[in-house]
C-alpha atoms as a PDB file:
ATOM      1  CA  MET A   1     -77.766  45.078  64.846  1.00  0.00           C
ATOM      2  CA  LEU A   2     -80.899  45.251  63.739  1.00  0.00           C
ATOM      3  CA  LYS A   3     -81.424  46.737  60.200  1.00  0.00           C
ATOM      4  CA  PRO A   4     -83.680  49.352  60.769  1.00  0.00           C
ATOM      5  CA  ALA A   5     -81.010  50.677  63.296  1.00  0.00           C
ATOM      6  CA  LEU A   6     -78.718  51.139  60.388  1.00  0.00           C
ATOM      7  CA  LEU A   7     -81.148  52.731  58.510  1.00  0.00           C
ATOM      8  CA  TRP A   8     -81.873  55.495  61.197  1.00  0.00           C
ATOM      9  CA  GLY A   9     -78.024  56.089  61.411  1.00  0.00           C
ATOM     10  CA  ARG A  10     -78.041  56.903  57.885  1.00  0.00           C
ATOM     11  CA  VAL A  11     -80.916  59.066  58.279  1.00  0.00           C
ATOM     12  CA  PRO A  12     -80.553  61.424  61.406  1.00  0.00           C
ATOM     13  CA  LYS A  13     -83.991  63.298  60.828  1.00  0.00           C
ATOM     14  CA  LEU A  14     -85.744  59.719  60.440  1.00  0.00           C
ATOM     15  CA  PHE A  15     -84.083  58.450  63.688  1.00  0.00           C
ATOM     16  CA  MET A  16     -85.476  61.947  65.373  1.00  0.00           C
ATOM     17  CA  ALA A  17     -88.816  61.447  64.466  1.00  0.00           C
ATOM     18  CA  ILE A  18     -89.036  58.030  65.457  1.00  0.00           C
ATOM     19  CA  ALA A  19     -87.339  58.666  68.826  1.00  0.00           C
ATOM     20  CA  SER A  20     -89.982  61.550  69.152  1.00  0.00           C
ATOM     21  CA  LEU A  21     -92.729  59.051  68.444  1.00  0.00           C
ATOM     22  CA  TYR A  22     -92.133  56.537  70.773  1.00  0.00           C
ATOM     23  CA  GLY A  23     -90.909  59.275  73.516  1.00  0.00           C
ATOM     24  CA  VAL A  24     -94.518  60.790  73.375  1.00  0.00           C
ATOM     25  CA  ILE A  25     -96.222  57.308  73.235  1.00  0.00           C
ATOM     26  CA  ASP A  26     -93.755  56.054  75.983  1.00  0.00           C
ATOM     27  CA  ARG A  27     -93.125  59.158  78.366  1.00  0.00           C
ATOM     28  CA  ARG A  28     -92.427  58.826  82.060  1.00  0.00           C
ATOM     29  CA  GLY A  29     -95.449  60.708  83.137  1.00  0.00           C
ATOM     30  CA  SER A  30     -97.899  58.689  81.630  1.00  0.00           C
ATOM     31  CA  PRO A  31    -100.523  57.515  84.218  1.00  0.00           C
ATOM     32  CA  LEU A  32    -100.296  54.376  83.019  1.00  0.00           C
ATOM     33  CA  ASP A  33     -97.671  51.748  84.661  1.00  0.00           C
ATOM     34  CA  PRO A  34     -94.518  50.870  82.237  1.00  0.00           C
ATOM     35  CA  VAL A  35     -95.462  47.134  81.823  1.00  0.00           C
ATOM     36  CA  LEU A  36     -99.558  48.457  81.102  1.00  0.00           C
ATOM     37  CA  ARG A  37     -98.260  50.278  78.102  1.00  0.00           C
ATOM     38  CA  SER A  38     -95.655  47.824  76.779  1.00  0.00           C
ATOM     39  CA  LEU A  39     -98.159  44.623  76.975  1.00  0.00           C
ATOM     40  CA  VAL A  40    -100.259  47.319  74.942  1.00  0.00           C
ATOM     41  CA  THR A  41     -97.236  47.937  72.613  1.00  0.00           C
ATOM     42  CA  VAL A  42     -96.570  44.544  71.960  1.00  0.00           C
ATOM     43  CA  ARG A  43    -100.095  43.383  70.986  1.00  0.00           C
ATOM     44  CA  VAL A  44    -100.795  46.408  68.673  1.00  0.00           C
ATOM     45  CA  SER A  45     -97.483  45.445  67.037  1.00  0.00           C
ATOM     46  CA  GLN A  46     -98.846  42.022  66.904  1.00  0.00           C
ATOM     47  CA  LEU A  47    -102.027  42.813  65.151  1.00  0.00           C
ATOM     48  CA  ASN A  48     -99.845  45.080  62.805  1.00  0.00           C
ATOM     49  CA  TRP A  49     -97.390  41.987  61.757  1.00  0.00           C
ATOM     50  CA  CYS A  50     -94.639  44.296  62.352  1.00  0.00           C
ATOM     51  CA  ARG A  51     -91.450  41.579  63.620  1.00  0.00           C
ATOM     52  CA  PHE A  52     -88.902  44.469  64.398  1.00  0.00           C
ATOM     53  CA  CYS A  53     -91.940  46.075  66.394  1.00  0.00           C
ATOM     54  CA  VAL A  54     -92.861  43.106  67.985  1.00  0.00           C
ATOM     55  CA  ASP A  55     -89.005  42.159  68.739  1.00  0.00           C
ATOM     56  CA  ILE A  56     -88.031  45.285  70.000  1.00  0.00           C
ATOM     57  CA  ASN A  57     -91.332  45.950  72.174  1.00  0.00           C
ATOM     58  CA  SER A  58     -91.000  42.437  73.335  1.00  0.00           C
ATOM     59  CA  ALA A  59     -87.566  42.981  74.944  1.00  0.00           C
ATOM     60  CA  THR A  60     -88.972  46.151  76.835  1.00  0.00           C
ATOM     61  CA  LEU A  61     -91.683  44.267  77.648  1.00  0.00           C
ATOM     62  CA  ALA A  62     -89.849  41.365  79.186  1.00  0.00           C
ATOM     63  CA  ALA A  63     -87.319  43.755  81.106  1.00  0.00           C
ATOM     64  CA  ARG A  64     -90.192  45.603  82.722  1.00  0.00           C
ATOM     65  CA  ALA A  65     -92.130  42.854  83.372  1.00  0.00           C
ATOM     66  CA  GLY A  66     -89.030  40.838  85.006  1.00  0.00           C
ATOM     67  CA  SER A  67     -89.493  37.660  82.267  1.00  0.00           C
ATOM     68  CA  MET A  68     -90.608  36.788  79.201  1.00  0.00           C
ATOM     69  CA  ALA A  69     -93.981  35.061  80.647  1.00  0.00           C
ATOM     70  CA  LYS A  70     -95.760  38.038  79.544  1.00  0.00           C
ATOM     71  CA  VAL A  71     -94.530  38.220  75.719  1.00  0.00           C
ATOM     72  CA  ASP A  72     -95.201  34.198  75.415  1.00  0.00           C
ATOM     73  CA  ALA A  73     -98.596  34.753  76.476  1.00  0.00           C
ATOM     74  CA  LEU A  74     -99.823  37.771  74.718  1.00  0.00           C
ATOM     75  CA  ASP A  75    -101.362  36.005  71.847  1.00  0.00           C
ATOM     76  CA  ALA A  76    -103.391  34.184  74.206  1.00  0.00           C
ATOM     77  CA  TRP A  77    -103.834  37.285  77.004  1.00  0.00           C
ATOM     78  CA  ARG A  78    -107.922  36.040  77.257  1.00  0.00           C
ATOM     79  CA  ASP A  79    -107.372  32.324  77.917  1.00  0.00           C
ATOM     80  CA  SER A  80    -104.059  33.104  80.472  1.00  0.00           C
ATOM     81  CA  ASP A  81    -104.061  33.896  84.109  1.00  0.00           C
ATOM     82  CA  LEU A  82    -101.068  35.675  83.670  1.00  0.00           C
ATOM     83  CA  PHE A  83    -102.889  38.505  82.975  1.00  0.00           C
ATOM     84  CA  ASP A  84    -105.325  40.658  85.600  1.00  0.00           C
ATOM     85  CA  PRO A  85    -108.817  42.123  84.504  1.00  0.00           C
ATOM     86  CA  ARG A  86    -106.930  45.434  84.279  1.00  0.00           C
ATOM     87  CA  GLU A  87    -104.866  44.624  81.550  1.00  0.00           C
ATOM     88  CA  LYS A  88    -107.479  42.669  80.029  1.00  0.00           C
ATOM     89  CA  ALA A  89    -109.765  45.206  79.603  1.00  0.00           C
ATOM     90  CA  ALA A  90    -106.318  47.468  78.303  1.00  0.00           C
ATOM     91  CA  LEU A  91    -105.641  44.918  75.732  1.00  0.00           C
ATOM     92  CA  GLU A  92    -109.451  44.397  74.674  1.00  0.00           C
ATOM     93  CA  TYR A  93    -109.601  47.800  74.301  1.00  0.00           C
ATOM     94  CA  ALA A  94    -106.274  48.093  72.174  1.00  0.00           C
ATOM     95  CA  GLU A  95    -107.418  45.596  70.301  1.00  0.00           C
ATOM     96  CA  ALA A  96    -110.948  47.187  69.327  1.00  0.00           C
ATOM     97  CA  MET A  97    -109.098  50.290  68.118  1.00  0.00           C
ATOM     98  CA  THR A  98    -106.634  48.674  66.174  1.00  0.00           C
ATOM     99  CA  ASP A  99    -108.247  46.004  64.069  1.00  0.00           C
ATOM    100  CA  SER A 100    -110.927  47.704  61.704  1.00  0.00           C
ATOM    101  CA  ASN A 101    -113.435  44.489  61.839  1.00  0.00           C
ATOM    102  CA  GLN A 102    -113.643  45.259  65.580  1.00  0.00           C
ATOM    103  CA  ARG A 103    -115.168  48.509  67.355  1.00  0.00           C
ATOM    104  CA  VAL A 104    -114.938  50.009  70.637  1.00  0.00           C
ATOM    105  CA  THR A 105    -118.277  49.086  72.753  1.00  0.00           C
ATOM    106  CA  ASP A 106    -119.484  50.629  76.045  1.00  0.00           C
ATOM    107  CA  PRO A 107    -119.124  48.192  77.830  1.00  0.00           C
ATOM    108  CA  MET A 108    -115.345  48.132  76.925  1.00  0.00           C
ATOM    109  CA  VAL A 109    -115.089  51.507  77.721  1.00  0.00           C
ATOM    110  CA  ALA A 110    -117.017  50.911  80.648  1.00  0.00           C
ATOM    111  CA  ARG A 111    -114.152  48.475  81.874  1.00  0.00           C
ATOM    112  CA  LEU A 112    -111.477  50.774  81.406  1.00  0.00           C
ATOM    113  CA  ARG A 113    -113.010  53.276  83.501  1.00  0.00           C
ATOM    114  CA  ASP A 114    -112.904  50.921  86.430  1.00  0.00           C
ATOM    115  CA  PHE A 115    -109.335  50.388  86.245  1.00  0.00           C
ATOM    116  CA  LEU A 116    -107.843  53.564  84.319  1.00  0.00           C
ATOM    117  CA  PRO A 117    -107.348  57.507  85.701  1.00  0.00           C
ATOM    118  CA  MET A 118    -107.810  58.945  82.044  1.00  0.00           C
ATOM    119  CA  THR A 119    -110.480  57.129  80.452  1.00  0.00           C
ATOM    120  CA  ARG A 120    -112.773  60.276  80.461  1.00  0.00           C
ATOM    121  CA  SER A 121    -112.797  61.019  76.826  1.00  0.00           C
ATOM    122  CA  LEU A 122    -112.784  57.375  75.694  1.00  0.00           C
ATOM    123  CA  SER A 123    -116.574  57.068  74.826  1.00  0.00           C
END
């Protein structure tokens, strides 16, 4: 059993807050497909050095993608043929939003607009 789960069991309000946040992020009504949402979630978890988040979100990604291949290649997504241009655009944007040493650029937003339905407000 994961240690955070033990904490959540002892503090129901914390569990409800985390479950609510995750529900908003990973809602079924999202215009983004589940694999793409999981790819971004795992990559952001990696960038933030949250081992627990990487573990739990990697399990979700593997289940949604049908294998561990994308999970294993995510650190080197730019050089991998496993990721299509849409996924690469989303990962590039997620990294720029997460890493304070990077910034979102107009070309990044343009690439997202080519692939994603809800990117009007990104610029």
